[in-house]
Amino acid sequence: MFNCCVKLNMAGKIVINIERCKGCGLCIAVCSKGGVIISKQSNKSGYFPAEPAPSKVEGANNTDCTGCASCAIICPEAAIEVYRQQDTLNKPHKETTPDLVKGKK
C-alpha cells in the first residue's frame, strides 16, 4: 500500500471590492466554511456588500478560508479576489534510503 508522505495545507484569504459588490449573497451560499457575510454598512451605491467573516481565532484574518475560490467563481460582479498561501509542507523528519544488508564476518 502506498502512503503519501507529503501533505499540503492551504490557507486562503479573500478580498472583496465593496464598491463593486451588490450584495446578492451568492458567495455566502457557496462558502462551505462560512467565511463570507453581508456587511451592516452600505457602499456608495446603497448596496450592502459581502465582506469576509470575522475569524474564529482572535487576531487572525479569515483563517477558515481554504482558498477554494468558489465565492470568486460564482460572483456575477467579479468583486472577489482569492489568495492562497502554502503555509505548511509536512515532510518526513529525515529522508531515508534503504541500507545495504551487511553480511556477517
PDB file of N, CA and C in Angstrom:
ATOM      1  N   MET A   1       0.835  -1.179   0.000  1.00  0.00           N
ATOM      2  CA  MET A   1       0.000   0.000   0.000  1.00  0.00           C
ATOM      3  C   MET A   1       0.878   1.240   0.000  1.00  0.00           C
ATOM      4  N   PHE A   2       0.489   2.238  -0.761  1.00  0.00           N
ATOM      5  CA  PHE A   2       1.260   3.471  -0.885  1.00  0.00           C
ATOM      6  C   PHE A   2       0.790   4.482   0.147  1.00  0.00           C
ATOM      7  N   ASN A   3       1.701   4.995   0.923  1.00  0.00           N
ATOM      8  CA  ASN A   3       1.388   6.050   1.884  1.00  0.00           C
ATOM      9  C   ASN A   3       2.040   7.336   1.432  1.00  0.00           C
ATOM     10  N   CYS A   4       1.265   8.384   1.353  1.00  0.00           N
ATOM     11  CA  CYS A   4       1.799   9.667   0.950  1.00  0.00           C
ATOM     12  C   CYS A   4       2.525  10.302   2.126  1.00  0.00           C
ATOM     13  N   CYS A   5       3.703  10.784   1.903  1.00  0.00           N
ATOM     14  CA  CYS A   5       4.474  11.376   2.990  1.00  0.00           C
ATOM     15  C   CYS A   5       4.483  12.899   2.920  1.00  0.00           C
ATOM     16  N   VAL A   6       3.861  13.486   1.924  1.00  0.00           N
ATOM     17  CA  VAL A   6       3.827  14.940   1.798  1.00  0.00           C
ATOM     18  C   VAL A   6       2.376  15.399   1.848  1.00  0.00           C
ATOM     19  N   LYS A   7       2.096  16.292   2.738  1.00  0.00           N
ATOM     20  CA  LYS A   7       0.744  16.809   2.880  1.00  0.00           C
ATOM     21  C   LYS A   7       0.786  18.329   2.751  1.00  0.00           C
ATOM     22  N   LEU A   8      -0.057  18.876   1.887  1.00  0.00           N
ATOM     23  CA  LEU A   8      -0.098  20.312   1.706  1.00  0.00           C
ATOM     24  C   LEU A   8      -1.321  20.882   2.417  1.00  0.00           C
ATOM     25  N   ASN A   9      -1.117  21.871   3.234  1.00  0.00           N
ATOM     26  CA  ASN A   9      -2.214  22.594   3.866  1.00  0.00           C
ATOM     27  C   ASN A   9      -2.272  23.974   3.237  1.00  0.00           C
ATOM     28  N   MET A  10      -3.416  24.313   2.700  1.00  0.00           N
ATOM     29  CA  MET A  10      -3.549  25.601   2.044  1.00  0.00           C
ATOM     30  C   MET A  10      -4.384  26.527   2.906  1.00  0.00           C
ATOM     31  N   ALA A  11      -3.958  27.736   3.000  1.00  0.00           N
ATOM     32  CA  ALA A  11      -4.746  28.764   3.676  1.00  0.00           C
ATOM     33  C   ALA A  11      -5.139  29.773   2.618  1.00  0.00           C
ATOM     34  N   GLY A  12      -6.305  30.339   2.787  1.00  0.00           N
ATOM     35  CA  GLY A  12      -6.776  31.304   1.815  1.00  0.00           C
ATOM     36  C   GLY A  12      -7.159  32.608   2.454  1.00  0.00           C
ATOM     37  N   LYS A  13      -7.299  33.603   1.619  1.00  0.00           N
ATOM     38  CA  LYS A  13      -7.725  34.923   2.055  1.00  0.00           C
ATOM     39  C   LYS A  13      -8.538  35.520   0.923  1.00  0.00           C
ATOM     40  N   ILE A  14      -9.671  36.129   1.254  1.00  0.00           N
ATOM     41  CA  ILE A  14     -10.469  36.780   0.225  1.00  0.00           C
ATOM     42  C   ILE A  14     -10.427  38.290   0.413  1.00  0.00           C
ATOM     43  N   VAL A  15     -10.465  38.988  -0.711  1.00  0.00           N
ATOM     44  CA  VAL A  15     -10.543  40.437  -0.722  1.00  0.00           C
ATOM     45  C   VAL A  15     -11.744  40.788  -1.589  1.00  0.00           C
ATOM     46  N   ILE A  16     -12.667  41.563  -1.016  1.00  0.00           N
ATOM     47  CA  ILE A  16     -13.899  41.908  -1.725  1.00  0.00           C
ATOM     48  C   ILE A  16     -13.896  43.404  -2.032  1.00  0.00           C
ATOM     49  N   ASN A  17     -14.122  43.732  -3.292  1.00  0.00           N
ATOM     50  CA  ASN A  17     -14.262  45.122  -3.697  1.00  0.00           C
ATOM     51  C   ASN A  17     -15.674  45.554  -3.323  1.00  0.00           C
ATOM     52  N   ILE A  18     -15.806  46.267  -2.215  1.00  0.00           N
ATOM     53  CA  ILE A  18     -17.137  46.576  -1.683  1.00  0.00           C
ATOM     54  C   ILE A  18     -17.916  47.538  -2.573  1.00  0.00           C
ATOM     55  N   GLU A  19     -17.242  48.327  -3.373  1.00  0.00           N
ATOM     56  CA  GLU A  19     -17.951  49.246  -4.263  1.00  0.00           C
ATOM     57  C   GLU A  19     -18.518  48.521  -5.485  1.00  0.00           C
ATOM     58  N   ARG A  20     -17.922  47.418  -5.844  1.00  0.00           N
ATOM     59  CA  ARG A  20     -18.409  46.634  -6.982  1.00  0.00           C
ATOM     60  C   ARG A  20     -19.500  45.642  -6.566  1.00  0.00           C
ATOM     61  N   CYS A  21     -19.456  45.181  -5.308  1.00  0.00           N
ATOM     62  CA  CYS A  21     -20.386  44.165  -4.804  1.00  0.00           C
ATOM     63  C   CYS A  21     -21.796  44.738  -4.668  1.00  0.00           C
ATOM     64  N   LYS A  22     -22.797  43.953  -5.095  1.00  0.00           N
ATOM     65  CA  LYS A  22     -24.202  44.348  -4.982  1.00  0.00           C
ATOM     66  C   LYS A  22     -24.940  43.572  -3.895  1.00  0.00           C
ATOM     67  N   GLY A  23     -24.219  42.764  -3.129  1.00  0.00           N
ATOM     68  CA  GLY A  23     -24.826  42.059  -2.002  1.00  0.00           C
ATOM     69  C   GLY A  23     -25.810  40.975  -2.376  1.00  0.00           C
ATOM     70  N   CYS A  24     -25.592  40.305  -3.490  1.00  0.00           N
ATOM     71  CA  CYS A  24     -26.535  39.271  -3.953  1.00  0.00           C
ATOM     72  C   CYS A  24     -26.552  38.041  -3.048  1.00  0.00           C
ATOM     73  N   GLY A  25     -25.452  37.771  -2.331  1.00  0.00           N
ATOM     74  CA  GLY A  25     -25.392  36.651  -1.400  1.00  0.00           C
ATOM     75  C   GLY A  25     -24.985  35.322  -1.999  1.00  0.00           C
ATOM     76  N   LEU A  26     -24.677  35.278  -3.281  1.00  0.00           N
ATOM     77  CA  LEU A  26     -24.266  34.004  -3.887  1.00  0.00           C
ATOM     78  C   LEU A  26     -22.986  33.463  -3.254  1.00  0.00           C
ATOM     79  N   CYS A  27     -22.054  34.357  -2.940  1.00  0.00           N
ATOM     80  CA  CYS A  27     -20.791  33.926  -2.330  1.00  0.00           C
ATOM     81  C   CYS A  27     -21.029  33.304  -0.959  1.00  0.00           C
ATOM     82  N   ILE A  28     -21.999  33.832  -0.238  1.00  0.00           N
ATOM     83  CA  ILE A  28     -22.336  33.295   1.078  1.00  0.00           C
ATOM     84  C   ILE A  28     -22.897  31.886   0.936  1.00  0.00           C
ATOM     85  N   ALA A  29     -23.721  31.691  -0.075  1.00  0.00           N
ATOM     86  CA  ALA A  29     -24.356  30.392  -0.296  1.00  0.00           C
ATOM     87  C   ALA A  29     -23.350  29.292  -0.644  1.00  0.00           C
ATOM     88  N   VAL A  30     -22.274  29.634  -1.354  1.00  0.00           N
ATOM     89  CA  VAL A  30     -21.336  28.598  -1.788  1.00  0.00           C
ATOM     90  C   VAL A  30     -20.162  28.394  -0.837  1.00  0.00           C
ATOM     91  N   CYS A  31     -19.962  29.275   0.119  1.00  0.00           N
ATOM     92  CA  CYS A  31     -18.817  29.134   1.028  1.00  0.00           C
ATOM     93  C   CYS A  31     -19.117  28.058   2.068  1.00  0.00           C
ATOM     94  N   SER A  32     -18.387  26.970   1.995  1.00  0.00           N
ATOM     95  CA  SER A  32     -18.612  25.852   2.914  1.00  0.00           C
ATOM     96  C   SER A  32     -18.070  26.127   4.314  1.00  0.00           C
ATOM     97  N   LYS A  33     -17.248  27.138   4.464  1.00  0.00           N
ATOM     98  CA  LYS A  33     -16.651  27.463   5.755  1.00  0.00           C
ATOM     99  C   LYS A  33     -17.319  28.642   6.443  1.00  0.00           C
ATOM    100  N   GLY A  34     -18.323  29.234   5.819  1.00  0.00           N
ATOM    101  CA  GLY A  34     -18.989  30.385   6.417  1.00  0.00           C
ATOM    102  C   GLY A  34     -18.087  31.597   6.500  1.00  0.00           C
ATOM    103  N   GLY A  35     -17.227  31.748   5.520  1.00  0.00           N
ATOM    104  CA  GLY A  35     -16.224  32.812   5.541  1.00  0.00           C
ATOM    105  C   GLY A  35     -16.658  34.133   4.949  1.00  0.00           C
ATOM    106  N   VAL A  36     -17.928  34.243   4.541  1.00  0.00           N
ATOM    107  CA  VAL A  36     -18.420  35.476   3.935  1.00  0.00           C
ATOM    108  C   VAL A  36     -19.742  35.847   4.599  1.00  0.00           C
ATOM    109  N   ILE A  37     -19.901  37.133   4.899  1.00  0.00           N
ATOM    110  CA  ILE A  37     -21.138  37.639   5.492  1.00  0.00           C
ATOM    111  C   ILE A  37     -21.553  38.914   4.761  1.00  0.00           C
ATOM    112  N   ILE A  38     -22.783  39.363   5.019  1.00  0.00           N
ATOM    113  CA  ILE A  38     -23.243  40.634   4.466  1.00  0.00           C
ATOM    114  C   ILE A  38     -22.898  41.740   5.458  1.00  0.00           C
ATOM    115  N   SER A  39     -22.347  42.822   4.942  1.00  0.00           N
ATOM    116  CA  SER A  39     -21.958  43.954   5.767  1.00  0.00           C
ATOM    117  C   SER A  39     -23.183  44.676   6.317  1.00  0.00           C
ATOM    118  N   LYS A  40     -23.017  45.310   7.450  1.00  0.00           N
ATOM    119  CA  LYS A  40     -24.081  46.116   8.036  1.00  0.00           C
ATOM    120  C   LYS A  40     -24.039  47.554   7.518  1.00  0.00           C
ATOM    121  N   GLN A  41     -22.993  47.877   6.756  1.00  0.00           N
ATOM    122  CA  GLN A  41     -22.852  49.212   6.186  1.00  0.00           C
ATOM    123  C   GLN A  41     -22.991  49.124   4.673  1.00  0.00           C
ATOM    124  N   SER A  42     -23.661  50.080   4.107  1.00  0.00           N
ATOM    125  CA  SER A  42     -23.847  50.087   2.650  1.00  0.00           C
ATOM    126  C   SER A  42     -22.647  50.722   1.958  1.00  0.00           C
ATOM    127  N   ASN A  43     -22.515  50.406   0.681  1.00  0.00           N
ATOM    128  CA  ASN A  43     -21.476  51.036  -0.117  1.00  0.00           C
ATOM    129  C   ASN A  43     -22.033  52.325  -0.723  1.00  0.00           C
ATOM    130  N   LYS A  44     -21.273  52.996  -1.581  1.00  0.00           N
ATOM    131  CA  LYS A  44     -21.691  54.277  -2.162  1.00  0.00           C
ATOM    132  C   LYS A  44     -22.939  54.161  -3.035  1.00  0.00           C
ATOM    133  N   SER A  45     -23.186  52.956  -3.547  1.00  0.00           N
ATOM    134  CA  SER A  45     -24.356  52.746  -4.400  1.00  0.00           C
ATOM    135  C   SER A  45     -25.602  52.360  -3.604  1.00  0.00           C
ATOM    136  N   GLY A  46     -25.447  52.184  -2.301  1.00  0.00           N
ATOM    137  CA  GLY A  46     -26.582  51.827  -1.460  1.00  0.00           C
ATOM    138  C   GLY A  46     -26.774  50.340  -1.241  1.00  0.00           C
ATOM    139  N   TYR A  47     -25.886  49.526  -1.793  1.00  0.00           N
ATOM    140  CA  TYR A  47     -25.955  48.072  -1.594  1.00  0.00           C
ATOM    141  C   TYR A  47     -25.246  47.698  -0.293  1.00  0.00           C
ATOM    142  N   PHE A  48     -25.676  46.607   0.302  1.00  0.00           N
ATOM    143  CA  PHE A  48     -24.985  46.061   1.467  1.00  0.00           C
ATOM    144  C   PHE A  48     -24.082  44.940   0.951  1.00  0.00           C
ATOM    145  N   PRO A  49     -22.797  45.220   0.805  1.00  0.00           N
ATOM    146  CA  PRO A  49     -21.884  44.261   0.165  1.00  0.00           C
ATOM    147  C   PRO A  49     -21.497  43.102   1.082  1.00  0.00           C
ATOM    148  N   ALA A  50     -20.957  42.098   0.464  1.00  0.00           N
ATOM    149  CA  ALA A  50     -20.390  40.977   1.215  1.00  0.00           C
ATOM    150  C   ALA A  50     -19.059  41.419   1.801  1.00  0.00           C
ATOM    151  N   GLU A  51     -18.658  40.752   2.860  1.00  0.00           N
ATOM    152  CA  GLU A  51     -17.353  41.014   3.461  1.00  0.00           C
ATOM    153  C   GLU A  51     -16.849  39.722   4.094  1.00  0.00           C
ATOM    154  N   PRO A  52     -15.532  39.618   4.282  1.00  0.00           N
ATOM    155  CA  PRO A  52     -15.008  38.418   4.941  1.00  0.00           C
ATOM    156  C   PRO A  52     -15.560  38.324   6.359  1.00  0.00           C
ATOM    157  N   ALA A  53     -15.939  37.131   6.750  1.00  0.00           N
ATOM    158  CA  ALA A  53     -16.438  36.917   8.113  1.00  0.00           C
ATOM    159  C   ALA A  53     -15.294  37.077   9.088  1.00  0.00           C
ATOM    160  N   PRO A  54     -15.600  37.569  10.292  1.00  0.00           N
ATOM    161  CA  PRO A  54     -14.531  37.663  11.290  1.00  0.00           C
ATOM    162  C   PRO A  54     -14.005  36.273  11.620  1.00  0.00           C
ATOM    163  N   SER A  55     -12.731  36.202  11.866  1.00  0.00           N
ATOM    164  CA  SER A  55     -12.106  34.922  12.162  1.00  0.00           C
ATOM    165  C   SER A  55     -12.530  34.410  13.528  1.00  0.00           C
ATOM    166  N   LYS A  56     -12.564  33.111  13.653  1.00  0.00           N
ATOM    167  CA  LYS A  56     -12.876  32.495  14.943  1.00  0.00           C
ATOM    168  C   LYS A  56     -11.670  32.542  15.874  1.00  0.00           C
ATOM    169  N   VAL A  57     -10.501  32.801  15.291  1.00  0.00           N
ATOM    170  CA  VAL A  57      -9.274  32.905  16.069  1.00  0.00           C
ATOM    171  C   VAL A  57      -8.964  34.379  16.243  1.00  0.00           C
ATOM    172  N   GLU A  58      -8.820  34.825  17.479  1.00  0.00           N
ATOM    173  CA  GLU A  58      -8.593  36.234  17.744  1.00  0.00           C
ATOM    174  C   GLU A  58      -7.277  36.706  17.122  1.00  0.00           C
ATOM    175  N   GLY A  59      -7.330  37.831  16.429  1.00  0.00           N
ATOM    176  CA  GLY A  59      -6.142  38.414  15.825  1.00  0.00           C
ATOM    177  C   GLY A  59      -5.820  37.879  14.443  1.00  0.00           C
ATOM    178  N   ALA A  60      -6.526  36.856  13.998  1.00  0.00           N
ATOM    179  CA  ALA A  60      -6.265  36.296  12.677  1.00  0.00           C
ATOM    180  C   ALA A  60      -7.285  36.836  11.687  1.00  0.00           C
ATOM    181  N   ASN A  61      -6.947  36.800  10.411  1.00  0.00           N
ATOM    182  CA  ASN A  61      -7.845  37.303   9.379  1.00  0.00           C
ATOM    183  C   ASN A  61      -8.287  36.165   8.479  1.00  0.00           C
ATOM    184  N   ASN A  62      -9.561  35.818   8.552  1.00  0.00           N
ATOM    185  CA  ASN A  62     -10.132  34.882   7.585  1.00  0.00           C
ATOM    186  C   ASN A  62      -9.440  33.514   7.605  1.00  0.00           C
ATOM    187  N   THR A  63      -9.126  32.987   8.765  1.00  0.00           N
ATOM    188  CA  THR A  63      -8.339  31.755   8.837  1.00  0.00           C
ATOM    189  C   THR A  63      -9.080  30.511   8.379  1.00  0.00           C
ATOM    190  N   ASP A  64     -10.410  30.549   8.360  1.00  0.00           N
ATOM    191  CA  ASP A  64     -11.150  29.362   7.947  1.00  0.00           C
ATOM    192  C   ASP A  64     -11.207  29.216   6.436  1.00  0.00           C
ATOM    193  N   CYS A  65     -10.826  30.234   5.701  1.00  0.00           N
ATOM    194  CA  CYS A  65     -10.850  30.192   4.238  1.00  0.00           C
ATOM    195  C   CYS A  65      -9.822  29.184   3.740  1.00  0.00           C
ATOM    196  N   THR A  66     -10.275  28.302   2.861  1.00  0.00           N
ATOM    197  CA  THR A  66      -9.371  27.295   2.309  1.00  0.00           C
ATOM    198  C   THR A  66      -8.766  27.720   0.977  1.00  0.00           C
ATOM    199  N   GLY A  67      -9.260  28.813   0.420  1.00  0.00           N
ATOM    200  CA  GLY A  67      -8.764  29.265  -0.872  1.00  0.00           C
ATOM    201  C   GLY A  67      -9.374  28.516  -2.036  1.00  0.00           C
ATOM    202  N   CYS A  68     -10.558  27.941  -1.847  1.00  0.00           N
ATOM    203  CA  CYS A  68     -11.188  27.139  -2.904  1.00  0.00           C
ATOM    204  C   CYS A  68     -11.661  27.986  -4.082  1.00  0.00           C
ATOM    205  N   ALA A  69     -11.906  29.267  -3.860  1.00  0.00           N
ATOM    206  CA  ALA A  69     -12.314  30.243  -4.877  1.00  0.00           C
ATOM    207  C   ALA A  69     -13.734  30.067  -5.386  1.00  0.00           C
ATOM    208  N   SER A  70     -14.550  29.299  -4.684  1.00  0.00           N
ATOM    209  CA  SER A  70     -15.950  29.154  -5.088  1.00  0.00           C
ATOM    210  C   SER A  70     -16.670  30.497  -5.080  1.00  0.00           C
ATOM    211  N   CYS A  71     -16.370  31.310  -4.099  1.00  0.00           N
ATOM    212  CA  CYS A  71     -17.012  32.624  -3.991  1.00  0.00           C
ATOM    213  C   CYS A  71     -16.654  33.514  -5.177  1.00  0.00           C
ATOM    214  N   ALA A  72     -15.397  33.506  -5.559  1.00  0.00           N
ATOM    215  CA  ALA A  72     -14.958  34.336  -6.676  1.00  0.00           C
ATOM    216  C   ALA A  72     -15.519  33.840  -8.005  1.00  0.00           C
ATOM    217  N   ILE A  73     -15.642  32.537  -8.143  1.00  0.00           N
ATOM    218  CA  ILE A  73     -16.155  31.959  -9.384  1.00  0.00           C
ATOM    219  C   ILE A  73     -17.627  32.308  -9.578  1.00  0.00           C
ATOM    220  N   ILE A  74     -18.397  32.277  -8.500  1.00  0.00           N
ATOM    221  CA  ILE A  74     -19.837  32.499  -8.630  1.00  0.00           C
ATOM    222  C   ILE A  74     -20.214  33.985  -8.639  1.00  0.00           C
ATOM    223  N   CYS A  75     -19.324  34.858  -8.242  1.00  0.00           N
ATOM    224  CA  CYS A  75     -19.632  36.286  -8.136  1.00  0.00           C
ATOM    225  C   CYS A  75     -19.928  36.886  -9.510  1.00  0.00           C
ATOM    226  N   PRO A  76     -21.165  37.372  -9.741  1.00  0.00           N
ATOM    227  CA  PRO A  76     -21.505  37.922 -11.057  1.00  0.00           C
ATOM    228  C   PRO A  76     -20.851  39.275 -11.334  1.00  0.00           C
ATOM    229  N   GLU A  77     -20.362  39.932 -10.301  1.00  0.00           N
ATOM    230  CA  GLU A  77     -19.732  41.239 -10.467  1.00  0.00           C
ATOM    231  C   GLU A  77     -18.206  41.166 -10.468  1.00  0.00           C
ATOM    232  N   ALA A  78     -17.651  39.985 -10.339  1.00  0.00           N
ATOM    233  CA  ALA A  78     -16.192  39.783 -10.266  1.00  0.00           C
ATOM    234  C   ALA A  78     -15.584  40.684  -9.195  1.00  0.00           C
ATOM    235  N   ALA A  79     -16.225  40.724  -8.031  1.00  0.00           N
ATOM    236  CA  ALA A  79     -15.799  41.607  -6.950  1.00  0.00           C
ATOM    237  C   ALA A  79     -14.904  40.919  -5.924  1.00  0.00           C
ATOM    238  N   ILE A  80     -14.651  39.626  -6.092  1.00  0.00           N
ATOM    239  CA  ILE A  80     -13.901  38.874  -5.085  1.00  0.00           C
ATOM    240  C   ILE A  80     -12.600  38.350  -5.670  1.00  0.00           C
ATOM    241  N   GLU A  81     -11.527  38.589  -4.935  1.00  0.00           N
ATOM    242  CA  GLU A  81     -10.218  38.028  -5.281  1.00  0.00           C
ATOM    243  C   GLU A  81      -9.844  37.046  -4.180  1.00  0.00           C
ATOM    244  N   VAL A  82      -9.280  35.925  -4.579  1.00  0.00           N
ATOM    245  CA  VAL A  82      -8.877  34.897  -3.620  1.00  0.00           C
ATOM    246  C   VAL A  82      -7.375  34.712  -3.711  1.00  0.00           C
ATOM    247  N   TYR A  83      -6.753  34.717  -2.558  1.00  0.00           N
ATOM    248  CA  TYR A  83      -5.312  34.493  -2.480  1.00  0.00           C
ATOM    249  C   TYR A  83      -5.069  33.227  -1.690  1.00  0.00           C
ATOM    250  N   ARG A  84      -4.174  32.398  -2.177  1.00  0.00           N
ATOM    251  CA  ARG A  84      -3.825  31.154  -1.494  1.00  0.00           C
ATOM    252  C   ARG A  84      -2.377  31.220  -1.059  1.00  0.00           C
ATOM    253  N   GLN A  85      -2.137  30.626   0.092  1.00  0.00           N
ATOM    254  CA  GLN A  85      -0.773  30.573   0.594  1.00  0.00           C
ATOM    255  C   GLN A  85      -0.479  29.160   1.044  1.00  0.00           C
ATOM    256  N   GLN A  86       0.605  28.625   0.587  1.00  0.00           N
ATOM    257  CA  GLN A  86       1.024  27.303   1.033  1.00  0.00           C
ATOM    258  C   GLN A  86       1.713  27.518   2.364  1.00  0.00           C
ATOM    259  N   ASP A  87       0.983  27.271   3.439  1.00  0.00           N
ATOM    260  CA  ASP A  87       1.518  27.618   4.746  1.00  0.00           C
ATOM    261  C   ASP A  87       2.330  26.509   5.397  1.00  0.00           C
ATOM    262  N   THR A  88       2.067  25.290   5.048  1.00  0.00           N
ATOM    263  CA  THR A  88       2.773  24.197   5.700  1.00  0.00           C
ATOM    264  C   THR A  88       3.092  23.116   4.684  1.00  0.00           C
ATOM    265  N   LEU A  89       4.272  22.642   4.730  1.00  0.00           N
ATOM    266  CA  LEU A  89       4.659  21.496   3.922  1.00  0.00           C
ATOM    267  C   LEU A  89       5.242  20.478   4.876  1.00  0.00           C
ATOM    268  N   ASN A  90       4.463  19.462   5.193  1.00  0.00           N
ATOM    269  CA  ASN A  90       4.896  18.451   6.147  1.00  0.00           C
ATOM    270  C   ASN A  90       5.667  17.365   5.407  1.00  0.00           C
ATOM    271  N   LYS A  91       6.924  17.292   5.703  1.00  0.00           N
ATOM    272  CA  LYS A  91       7.773  16.266   5.112  1.00  0.00           C
ATOM    273  C   LYS A  91       8.265  15.354   6.232  1.00  0.00           C
ATOM    274  N   PRO A  92       8.729  14.179   5.879  1.00  0.00           N
ATOM    275  CA  PRO A  92       9.316  13.330   6.912  1.00  0.00           C
ATOM    276  C   PRO A  92      10.504  14.048   7.552  1.00  0.00           C
ATOM    277  N   HIS A  93      10.757  13.761   8.810  1.00  0.00           N
ATOM    278  CA  HIS A  93      11.845  14.429   9.508  1.00  0.00           C
ATOM    279  C   HIS A  93      13.194  14.154   8.868  1.00  0.00           C
ATOM    280  N   LYS A  94      13.357  12.970   8.339  1.00  0.00           N
ATOM    281  CA  LYS A  94      14.641  12.588   7.764  1.00  0.00           C
ATOM    282  C   LYS A  94      14.382  11.804   6.496  1.00  0.00           C
ATOM    283  N   GLU A  95      15.013  12.220   5.434  1.00  0.00           N
ATOM    284  CA  GLU A  95      14.898  11.466   4.196  1.00  0.00           C
ATOM    285  C   GLU A  95      15.779  10.225   4.357  1.00  0.00           C
ATOM    286  N   THR A  96      15.208   9.075   4.173  1.00  0.00           N
ATOM    287  CA  THR A  96      15.970   7.849   4.378  1.00  0.00           C
ATOM    288  C   THR A  96      16.088   7.074   3.077  1.00  0.00           C
ATOM    289  N   THR A  97      17.178   6.390   2.961  1.00  0.00           N
ATOM    290  CA  THR A  97      17.382   5.478   1.841  1.00  0.00           C
ATOM    291  C   THR A  97      17.656   4.108   2.441  1.00  0.00           C
ATOM    292  N   PRO A  98      17.253   3.069   1.761  1.00  0.00           N
ATOM    293  CA  PRO A  98      17.479   1.737   2.310  1.00  0.00           C
ATOM    294  C   PRO A  98      18.982   1.457   2.469  1.00  0.00           C
ATOM    295  N   ASP A  99      19.342   0.886   3.600  1.00  0.00           N
ATOM    296  CA  ASP A  99      20.730   0.492   3.824  1.00  0.00           C
ATOM    297  C   ASP A  99      20.975  -0.867   3.211  1.00  0.00           C
ATOM    298  N   LEU A 100      22.177  -1.053   2.746  1.00  0.00           N
ATOM    299  CA  LEU A 100      22.555  -2.369   2.225  1.00  0.00           C
ATOM    300  C   LEU A 100      22.704  -3.331   3.396  1.00  0.00           C
ATOM    301  N   VAL A 101      22.244  -4.522   3.190  1.00  0.00           N
ATOM    302  CA  VAL A 101      22.376  -5.531   4.241  1.00  0.00           C
ATOM    303  C   VAL A 101      23.813  -5.986   4.238  1.00  0.00           C
ATOM    304  N   LYS A 102      24.455  -5.861   5.408  1.00  0.00           N
ATOM    305  CA  LYS A 102      25.852  -6.258   5.519  1.00  0.00           C
ATOM    306  C   LYS A 102      25.925  -7.699   6.022  1.00  0.00           C
ATOM    307  N   GLY A 103      26.747  -8.469   5.372  1.00  0.00           N
ATOM    308  CA  GLY A 103      26.902  -9.862   5.790  1.00  0.00           C
ATOM    309  C   GLY A 103      27.736  -9.965   7.040  1.00  0.00           C
ATOM    310  N   LYS A 104      27.534 -11.079   7.782  1.00  0.00           N
ATOM    311  CA  LYS A 104      28.346 -11.310   8.982  1.00  0.00           C
ATOM    312  C   LYS A 104      29.714 -11.737   8.563  1.00  0.00           C
ATOM    313  N   LYS A 105      30.719 -11.357   9.370  1.00  0.00           N
ATOM    314  CA  LYS A 105      32.092 -11.717   9.081  1.00  0.00           C
ATOM    315  C   LYS A 105      32.485 -12.967   9.786  1.00  0.00           C
TER     316      LYS A 105
END
